[in-house]
Amino acid sequence: GFGFGGKTIVAFNQIPKGTDVITSVVEQGNGKLVAVGY
């Protein structure tokens, strides 16, 4: 019930072949997830 078969991928594509990584996640009171990184 999460993403596609339990997995989700997010690209920022600031440049072609860029490195986008999640470093930390917190759960809001409504169950939404906020992920931070670079």
All heavy atoms as atom14 arrays in JSON, in Angstrom:
{
  "sequence": "GFGFGGKTIVAFNQIPKGTDVITSVVEQGNGKLVAVGY",
  "atom14_mask": [
    [1, 1, 1, 1, 0, 0, 0, 0, 0, 0, 0, 0, 0, 0],
    [1, 1, 1, 1, 1, 1, 1, 1, 1, 1, 1, 0, 0, 0],
    [1, 1, 1, 1, 0, 0, 0, 0, 0, 0, 0, 0, 0, 0],
    [1, 1, 1, 1, 1, 1, 1, 1, 1, 1, 1, 0, 0, 0],
    [1, 1, 1, 1, 0, 0, 0, 0, 0, 0, 0, 0, 0, 0],
    [1, 1, 1, 1, 0, 0, 0, 0, 0, 0, 0, 0, 0, 0],
    [1, 1, 1, 1, 1, 1, 1, 1, 1, 0, 0, 0, 0, 0],
    [1, 1, 1, 1, 1, 1, 1, 0, 0, 0, 0, 0, 0, 0],
    [1, 1, 1, 1, 1, 1, 1, 1, 0, 0, 0, 0, 0, 0],
    [1, 1, 1, 1, 1, 1, 1, 0, 0, 0, 0, 0, 0, 0],
    [1, 1, 1, 1, 1, 0, 0, 0, 0, 0, 0, 0, 0, 0],
    [1, 1, 1, 1, 1, 1, 1, 1, 1, 1, 1, 0, 0, 0],
    [1, 1, 1, 1, 1, 1, 1, 1, 0, 0, 0, 0, 0, 0],
    [1, 1, 1, 1, 1, 1, 1, 1, 1, 0, 0, 0, 0, 0],
    [1, 1, 1, 1, 1, 1, 1, 1, 0, 0, 0, 0, 0, 0],
    [1, 1, 1, 1, 1, 1, 1, 0, 0, 0, 0, 0, 0, 0],
    [1, 1, 1, 1, 1, 1, 1, 1, 1, 0, 0, 0, 0, 0],
    [1, 1, 1, 1, 0, 0, 0, 0, 0, 0, 0, 0, 0, 0],
    [1, 1, 1, 1, 1, 1, 1, 0, 0, 0, 0, 0, 0, 0],
    [1, 1, 1, 1, 1, 1, 1, 1, 0, 0, 0, 0, 0, 0],
    [1, 1, 1, 1, 1, 1, 1, 0, 0, 0, 0, 0, 0, 0],
    [1, 1, 1, 1, 1, 1, 1, 1, 0, 0, 0, 0, 0, 0],
    [1, 1, 1, 1, 1, 1, 1, 0, 0, 0, 0, 0, 0, 0],
    [1, 1, 1, 1, 1, 1, 0, 0, 0, 0, 0, 0, 0, 0],
    [1, 1, 1, 1, 1, 1, 1, 0, 0, 0, 0, 0, 0, 0],
    [1, 1, 1, 1, 1, 1, 1, 0, 0, 0, 0, 0, 0, 0],
    [1, 1, 1, 1, 1, 1, 1, 1, 1, 0, 0, 0, 0, 0],
    [1, 1, 1, 1, 1, 1, 1, 1, 1, 0, 0, 0, 0, 0],
    [1, 1, 1, 1, 0, 0, 0, 0, 0, 0, 0, 0, 0, 0],
    [1, 1, 1, 1, 1, 1, 1, 1, 0, 0, 0, 0, 0, 0],
    [1, 1, 1, 1, 0, 0, 0, 0, 0, 0, 0, 0, 0, 0],
    [1, 1, 1, 1, 1, 1, 1, 1, 1, 0, 0, 0, 0, 0],
    [1, 1, 1, 1, 1, 1, 1, 1, 0, 0, 0, 0, 0, 0],
    [1, 1, 1, 1, 1, 1, 1, 0, 0, 0, 0, 0, 0, 0],
    [1, 1, 1, 1, 1, 0, 0, 0, 0, 0, 0, 0, 0, 0],
    [1, 1, 1, 1, 1, 1, 1, 0, 0, 0, 0, 0, 0, 0],
    [1, 1, 1, 1, 0, 0, 0, 0, 0, 0, 0, 0, 0, 0],
    [1, 1, 1, 1, 1, 1, 1, 1, 1, 1, 1, 1, 0, 0]
  ],
  "atom14_positions": [
    [[0.8, -1.21, 0.0], [0.0, 0.0, 0.0], [0.83, 1.27, 0.0], [0.29, 2.37, 0.1], [0.0, 0.0, 0.0], [0.0, 0.0, 0.0], [0.0, 0.0, 0.0], [0.0, 0.0, 0.0], [0.0, 0.0, 0.0], [0.0, 0.0, 0.0], [0.0, 0.0, 0.0], [0.0, 0.0, 0.0], [0.0, 0.0, 0.0], [0.0, 0.0, 0.0]],
    [[2.16, 1.12, -0.12], [3.06, 2.27, -0.11], [3.82, 2.31, -1.43], [4.51, 1.35, -1.79], [4.04, 2.14, 1.05], [4.96, 3.32, 1.22], [4.53, 4.47, 1.84], [6.26, 3.28, 0.73], [5.37, 5.56, 1.99], [7.11, 4.36, 0.88], [6.66, 5.51, 1.51], [0.0, 0.0, 0.0], [0.0, 0.0, 0.0], [0.0, 0.0, 0.0]],
    [[3.71, 3.44, -2.14], [4.43, 3.59, -3.4], [4.07, 2.51, -4.39], [2.9, 2.16, -4.57], [0.0, 0.0, 0.0], [0.0, 0.0, 0.0], [0.0, 0.0, 0.0], [0.0, 0.0, 0.0], [0.0, 0.0, 0.0], [0.0, 0.0, 0.0], [0.0, 0.0, 0.0], [0.0, 0.0, 0.0], [0.0, 0.0, 0.0], [0.0, 0.0, 0.0]],
    [[5.08, 1.92, -5.02], [4.88, 0.83, -5.96], [5.46, -0.44, -5.35], [6.68, -0.62, -5.31], [5.56, 1.14, -7.31], [4.97, 2.32, -8.01], [5.51, 3.58, -7.84], [3.85, 2.18, -8.82], [4.97, 4.68, -8.48], [3.3, 3.27, -9.46], [3.84, 4.53, -9.28], [0.0, 0.0, 0.0], [0.0, 0.0, 0.0], [0.0, 0.0, 0.0]],
    [[4.59, -1.27, -4.81], [5.03, -2.51, -4.18], [5.87, -2.29, -2.94], [6.74, -3.09, -2.63], [0.0, 0.0, 0.0], [0.0, 0.0, 0.0], [0.0, 0.0, 0.0], [0.0, 0.0, 0.0], [0.0, 0.0, 0.0], [0.0, 0.0, 0.0], [0.0, 0.0, 0.0], [0.0, 0.0, 0.0], [0.0, 0.0, 0.0], [0.0, 0.0, 0.0]],
    [[5.61, -1.19, -2.24], [6.35, -0.9, -1.01], [7.54, 0.01, -1.18], [8.2, 0.34, -0.2], [0.0, 0.0, 0.0], [0.0, 0.0, 0.0], [0.0, 0.0, 0.0], [0.0, 0.0, 0.0], [0.0, 0.0, 0.0], [0.0, 0.0, 0.0], [0.0, 0.0, 0.0], [0.0, 0.0, 0.0], [0.0, 0.0, 0.0], [0.0, 0.0, 0.0]],
    [[7.82, 0.45, -2.42], [9.0, 1.25, -2.69], [8.6, 2.53, -3.43], [7.66, 2.52, -4.24], [10.0, 0.48, -3.56], [10.34, -0.91, -3.04], [11.17, -1.69, -4.05], [11.42, -3.11, -3.6], [12.21, -3.9, -4.6], [0.0, 0.0, 0.0], [0.0, 0.0, 0.0], [0.0, 0.0, 0.0], [0.0, 0.0, 0.0], [0.0, 0.0, 0.0]],
    [[9.34, 3.62, -3.17], [9.13, 4.85, -3.92], [10.47, 5.52, -4.18], [11.35, 5.5, -3.33], [8.16, 5.79, -3.19], [7.88, 6.92, -4.02], [8.73, 6.28, -1.87], [0.0, 0.0, 0.0], [0.0, 0.0, 0.0], [0.0, 0.0, 0.0], [0.0, 0.0, 0.0], [0.0, 0.0, 0.0], [0.0, 0.0, 0.0], [0.0, 0.0, 0.0]],
    [[10.61, 6.08, -5.37], [11.84, 6.75, -5.81], [11.5, 8.19, -6.2], [10.5, 8.42, -6.89], [12.48, 6.04, -7.03], [12.64, 4.54, -6.76], [13.81, 6.69, -7.38], [13.61, 4.19, -5.68], [0.0, 0.0, 0.0], [0.0, 0.0, 0.0], [0.0, 0.0, 0.0], [0.0, 0.0, 0.0], [0.0, 0.0, 0.0], [0.0, 0.0, 0.0]],
    [[12.32, 9.14, -5.76], [12.08, 10.55, -6.07], [13.35, 11.15, -6.65], [14.42, 11.05, -6.03], [11.65, 11.34, -4.83], [11.48, 12.82, -5.18], [10.36, 10.78, -4.26], [0.0, 0.0, 0.0], [0.0, 0.0, 0.0], [0.0, 0.0, 0.0], [0.0, 0.0, 0.0], [0.0, 0.0, 0.0], [0.0, 0.0, 0.0], [0.0, 0.0, 0.0]],
    [[13.23, 11.8, -7.8], [14.38, 12.46, -8.44], [14.17, 13.96, -8.42], [13.07, 14.45, -8.71], [14.54, 11.96, -9.87], [0.0, 0.0, 0.0], [0.0, 0.0, 0.0], [0.0, 0.0, 0.0], [0.0, 0.0, 0.0], [0.0, 0.0, 0.0], [0.0, 0.0, 0.0], [0.0, 0.0, 0.0], [0.0, 0.0, 0.0], [0.0, 0.0, 0.0]],
    [[15.23, 14.71, -8.1], [15.19, 16.16, -8.19], [15.75, 16.63, -9.52], [15.32, 17.64, -10.07], [15.96, 16.79, -7.03], [15.13, 16.96, -5.79], [14.89, 15.88, -4.95], [14.58, 18.18, -5.47], [14.13, 16.03, -3.81], [13.81, 18.35, -4.34], [13.58, 17.27, -3.5], [0.0, 0.0, 0.0], [0.0, 0.0, 0.0], [0.0, 0.0, 0.0]],
    [[16.77, 15.9, -10.03], [17.35, 16.2, -11.35], [17.75, 17.67, -11.48], [17.45, 18.33, -12.48], [16.36, 15.83, -12.46], [16.15, 14.33, -12.56], [17.05, 13.55, -12.28], [14.94, 13.93, -12.95], [0.0, 0.0, 0.0], [0.0, 0.0, 0.0], [0.0, 0.0, 0.0], [0.0, 0.0, 0.0], [0.0, 0.0, 0.0], [0.0, 0.0, 0.0]],
    [[18.46, 18.19, -10.49], [19.01, 19.53, -10.6], [20.04, 19.6, -11.72], [20.21, 20.63, -12.35], [19.65, 19.94, -9.28], [18.68, 20.06, -8.12], [17.71, 21.22, -8.3], [18.12, 22.37, -8.44], [16.43, 20.92, -8.3], [0.0, 0.0, 0.0], [0.0, 0.0, 0.0], [0.0, 0.0, 0.0], [0.0, 0.0, 0.0], [0.0, 0.0, 0.0]],
    [[20.71, 18.49, -11.94], [21.6, 18.31, -13.09], [21.41, 16.89, -13.6], [20.95, 16.02, -12.86], [23.09, 18.53, -12.71], [23.51, 17.54, -11.6], [23.35, 19.96, -12.3], [25.0, 17.48, -11.38], [0.0, 0.0, 0.0], [0.0, 0.0, 0.0], [0.0, 0.0, 0.0], [0.0, 0.0, 0.0], [0.0, 0.0, 0.0], [0.0, 0.0, 0.0]],
    [[21.74, 16.6, -14.84], [21.7, 15.22, -15.31], [22.66, 14.35, -14.49], [23.77, 14.78, -14.15], [22.15, 15.32, -16.77], [21.87, 16.74, -17.15], [22.09, 17.55, -15.91], [0.0, 0.0, 0.0], [0.0, 0.0, 0.0], [0.0, 0.0, 0.0], [0.0, 0.0, 0.0], [0.0, 0.0, 0.0], [0.0, 0.0, 0.0], [0.0, 0.0, 0.0]],
    [[22.23, 13.18, -14.12], [23.04, 12.24, -13.34], [23.42, 12.81, -11.97], [24.48, 12.53, -11.43], [24.32, 11.84, -14.1], [24.07, 11.32, -15.5], [23.26, 10.05, -15.52], [23.09, 9.51, -16.92], [22.27, 8.27, -16.96], [0.0, 0.0, 0.0], [0.0, 0.0, 0.0], [0.0, 0.0, 0.0], [0.0, 0.0, 0.0], [0.0, 0.0, 0.0]],
    [[22.55, 13.61, -11.41], [22.83, 14.19, -10.1], [22.63, 13.2, -8.97], [21.98, 12.16, -9.13], [0.0, 0.0, 0.0], [0.0, 0.0, 0.0], [0.0, 0.0, 0.0], [0.0, 0.0, 0.0], [0.0, 0.0, 0.0], [0.0, 0.0, 0.0], [0.0, 0.0, 0.0], [0.0, 0.0, 0.0], [0.0, 0.0, 0.0], [0.0, 0.0, 0.0]],
    [[23.18, 13.51, -7.8], [23.06, 12.67, -6.62], [22.02, 13.26, -5.68], [22.23, 14.33, -5.11], [24.41, 12.55, -5.89], [25.35, 11.92, -6.78], [24.29, 11.73, -4.63], [0.0, 0.0, 0.0], [0.0, 0.0, 0.0], [0.0, 0.0, 0.0], [0.0, 0.0, 0.0], [0.0, 0.0, 0.0], [0.0, 0.0, 0.0], [0.0, 0.0, 0.0]],
    [[20.89, 12.55, -5.52], [19.82, 12.97, -4.62], [19.66, 11.88, -3.56], [19.43, 10.72, -3.89], [18.5, 13.14, -5.38], [18.62, 14.07, -6.58], [19.49, 14.96, -6.54], [17.85, 13.89, -7.54], [0.0, 0.0, 0.0], [0.0, 0.0, 0.0], [0.0, 0.0, 0.0], [0.0, 0.0, 0.0], [0.0, 0.0, 0.0], [0.0, 0.0, 0.0]],
    [[19.76, 12.25, -2.28], [19.77, 11.26, -1.2], [18.92, 11.75, -0.03], [18.96, 12.94, 0.32], [21.21, 10.99, -0.71], [21.21, 10.03, 0.49], [22.06, 10.4, -1.84], [0.0, 0.0, 0.0], [0.0, 0.0, 0.0], [0.0, 0.0, 0.0], [0.0, 0.0, 0.0], [0.0, 0.0, 0.0], [0.0, 0.0, 0.0], [0.0, 0.0, 0.0]],
    [[18.15, 10.85, 0.57], [17.44, 11.13, 1.82], [18.38, 10.81, 2.98], [19.0, 9.75, 3.02], [16.17, 10.27, 1.95], [15.17, 10.61, 0.85], [15.52, 10.46, 3.32], [13.96, 9.69, 0.81], [0.0, 0.0, 0.0], [0.0, 0.0, 0.0], [0.0, 0.0, 0.0], [0.0, 0.0, 0.0], [0.0, 0.0, 0.0], [0.0, 0.0, 0.0]],
    [[18.46, 11.73, 3.93], [19.3, 11.51, 5.11], [18.5, 11.31, 6.39], [19.01, 10.75, 7.36], [20.25, 12.71, 5.32], [19.47, 13.91, 5.41], [21.23, 12.83, 4.16], [0.0, 0.0, 0.0], [0.0, 0.0, 0.0], [0.0, 0.0, 0.0], [0.0, 0.0, 0.0], [0.0, 0.0, 0.0], [0.0, 0.0, 0.0], [0.0, 0.0, 0.0]],
    [[17.22, 11.77, 6.44], [16.44, 11.66, 7.67], [14.96, 11.8, 7.33], [14.6, 12.47, 6.35], [16.87, 12.74, 8.67], [16.21, 12.59, 9.92], [0.0, 0.0, 0.0], [0.0, 0.0, 0.0], [0.0, 0.0, 0.0], [0.0, 0.0, 0.0], [0.0, 0.0, 0.0], [0.0, 0.0, 0.0], [0.0, 0.0, 0.0], [0.0, 0.0, 0.0]],
    [[14.11, 11.19, 8.16], [12.66, 11.21, 7.93], [11.96, 11.38, 9.27], [12.39, 10.83, 10.29], [12.18, 9.9, 7.25], [10.66, 9.88, 7.11], [12.83, 9.73, 5.88], [0.0, 0.0, 0.0], [0.0, 0.0, 0.0], [0.0, 0.0, 0.0], [0.0, 0.0, 0.0], [0.0, 0.0, 0.0], [0.0, 0.0, 0.0], [0.0, 0.0, 0.0]],
    [[10.85, 12.13, 9.27], [10.02, 12.28, 10.45], [8.57, 12.06, 10.05], [8.17, 12.36, 8.92], [10.22, 13.67, 11.1], [9.64, 14.77, 10.24], [9.62, 13.71, 12.49], [0.0, 0.0, 0.0], [0.0, 0.0, 0.0], [0.0, 0.0, 0.0], [0.0, 0.0, 0.0], [0.0, 0.0, 0.0], [0.0, 0.0, 0.0], [0.0, 0.0, 0.0]],
    [[7.78, 11.52, 10.97], [6.36, 11.28, 10.73], [5.54, 12.39, 11.39], [5.66, 12.65, 12.58], [5.95, 9.92, 11.3], [4.48, 9.58, 11.06], [4.08, 8.24, 11.68], [4.85, 7.72, 12.51], [2.99, 7.75, 11.35], [0.0, 0.0, 0.0], [0.0, 0.0, 0.0], [0.0, 0.0, 0.0], [0.0, 0.0, 0.0], [0.0, 0.0, 0.0]],
    [[4.67, 13.04, 10.58], [3.76, 14.02, 11.14], [2.63, 13.32, 11.89], [2.43, 12.12, 11.77], [3.19, 14.9, 10.02], [4.19, 15.83, 9.37], [3.53, 16.75, 8.34], [4.22, 17.34, 7.53], [2.22, 16.88, 8.38], [0.0, 0.0, 0.0], [0.0, 0.0, 0.0], [0.0, 0.0, 0.0], [0.0, 0.0, 0.0], [0.0, 0.0, 0.0]],
    [[1.85, 14.11, 12.61], [0.74, 13.54, 13.37], [-0.33, 12.91, 12.52], [-1.08, 12.04, 13.0], [0.0, 0.0, 0.0], [0.0, 0.0, 0.0], [0.0, 0.0, 0.0], [0.0, 0.0, 0.0], [0.0, 0.0, 0.0], [0.0, 0.0, 0.0], [0.0, 0.0, 0.0], [0.0, 0.0, 0.0], [0.0, 0.0, 0.0], [0.0, 0.0, 0.0]],
    [[-0.42, 13.31, 11.25], [-1.41, 12.75, 10.35], [-0.88, 11.57, 9.53], [-1.54, 11.1, 8.61], [-1.95, 13.83, 9.41], [-0.85, 14.51, 8.6], [0.32, 14.14, 8.68], [-1.22, 15.5, 7.81], [0.0, 0.0, 0.0], [0.0, 0.0, 0.0], [0.0, 0.0, 0.0], [0.0, 0.0, 0.0], [0.0, 0.0, 0.0], [0.0, 0.0, 0.0]],
    [[0.33, 11.11, 9.86], [0.91, 9.96, 9.17], [1.71, 10.3, 7.93], [2.37, 9.41, 7.37], [0.0, 0.0, 0.0], [0.0, 0.0, 0.0], [0.0, 0.0, 0.0], [0.0, 0.0, 0.0], [0.0, 0.0, 0.0], [0.0, 0.0, 0.0], [0.0, 0.0, 0.0], [0.0, 0.0, 0.0], [0.0, 0.0, 0.0], [0.0, 0.0, 0.0]],
    [[1.69, 11.56, 7.49], [2.52, 11.94, 6.35], [3.99, 11.92, 6.78], [4.31, 12.16, 7.94], [2.13, 13.32, 5.83], [0.74, 13.37, 5.21], [0.43, 14.75, 4.64], [-0.96, 14.77, 4.01], [-1.27, 16.1, 3.4], [0.0, 0.0, 0.0], [0.0, 0.0, 0.0], [0.0, 0.0, 0.0], [0.0, 0.0, 0.0], [0.0, 0.0, 0.0]],
    [[4.87, 11.64, 5.82], [6.3, 11.52, 6.08], [7.04, 12.67, 5.4], [6.87, 12.9, 4.2], [6.83, 10.19, 5.55], [6.2, 8.93, 6.14], [6.71, 7.69, 5.4], [6.49, 8.82, 7.63], [0.0, 0.0, 0.0], [0.0, 0.0, 0.0], [0.0, 0.0, 0.0], [0.0, 0.0, 0.0], [0.0, 0.0, 0.0], [0.0, 0.0, 0.0]],
    [[7.85, 13.38, 6.18], [8.71, 14.41, 5.62], [10.14, 13.89, 5.6], [10.69, 13.48, 6.64], [8.66, 15.72, 6.43], [9.57, 16.77, 5.81], [7.23, 16.24, 6.52], [0.0, 0.0, 0.0], [0.0, 0.0, 0.0], [0.0, 0.0, 0.0], [0.0, 0.0, 0.0], [0.0, 0.0, 0.0], [0.0, 0.0, 0.0], [0.0, 0.0, 0.0]],
    [[10.73, 13.86, 4.42], [12.1, 13.39, 4.23], [12.98, 14.57, 3.86], [12.58, 15.43, 3.07], [12.17, 12.33, 3.12], [0.0, 0.0, 0.0], [0.0, 0.0, 0.0], [0.0, 0.0, 0.0], [0.0, 0.0, 0.0], [0.0, 0.0, 0.0], [0.0, 0.0, 0.0], [0.0, 0.0, 0.0], [0.0, 0.0, 0.0], [0.0, 0.0, 0.0]],
    [[14.18, 14.62, 4.44], [15.13, 15.67, 4.09], [16.43, 15.05, 3.6], [16.72, 13.88, 3.88], [15.41, 16.62, 5.29], [14.12, 17.25, 5.78], [16.11, 15.89, 6.43], [0.0, 0.0, 0.0], [0.0, 0.0, 0.0], [0.0, 0.0, 0.0], [0.0, 0.0, 0.0], [0.0, 0.0, 0.0], [0.0, 0.0, 0.0], [0.0, 0.0, 0.0]],
    [[17.22, 15.85, 2.89], [18.5, 15.38, 2.37], [19.12, 16.44, 1.5], [19.18, 17.6, 1.88], [0.0, 0.0, 0.0], [0.0, 0.0, 0.0], [0.0, 0.0, 0.0], [0.0, 0.0, 0.0], [0.0, 0.0, 0.0], [0.0, 0.0, 0.0], [0.0, 0.0, 0.0], [0.0, 0.0, 0.0], [0.0, 0.0, 0.0], [0.0, 0.0, 0.0]],
    [[19.56, 16.03, 0.32], [20.19, 17.0, -0.57], [20.01, 16.57, -2.02], [19.78, 15.39, -2.33], [21.67, 17.17, -0.25], [22.5, 15.9, -0.3], [23.13, 15.49, -1.47], [22.66, 15.12, 0.84], [23.89, 14.34, -1.52], [23.42, 13.96, 0.81], [24.03, 13.57, -0.37], [24.78, 12.41, -0.41], [0.0, 0.0, 0.0], [0.0, 0.0, 0.0]]
  ]
}
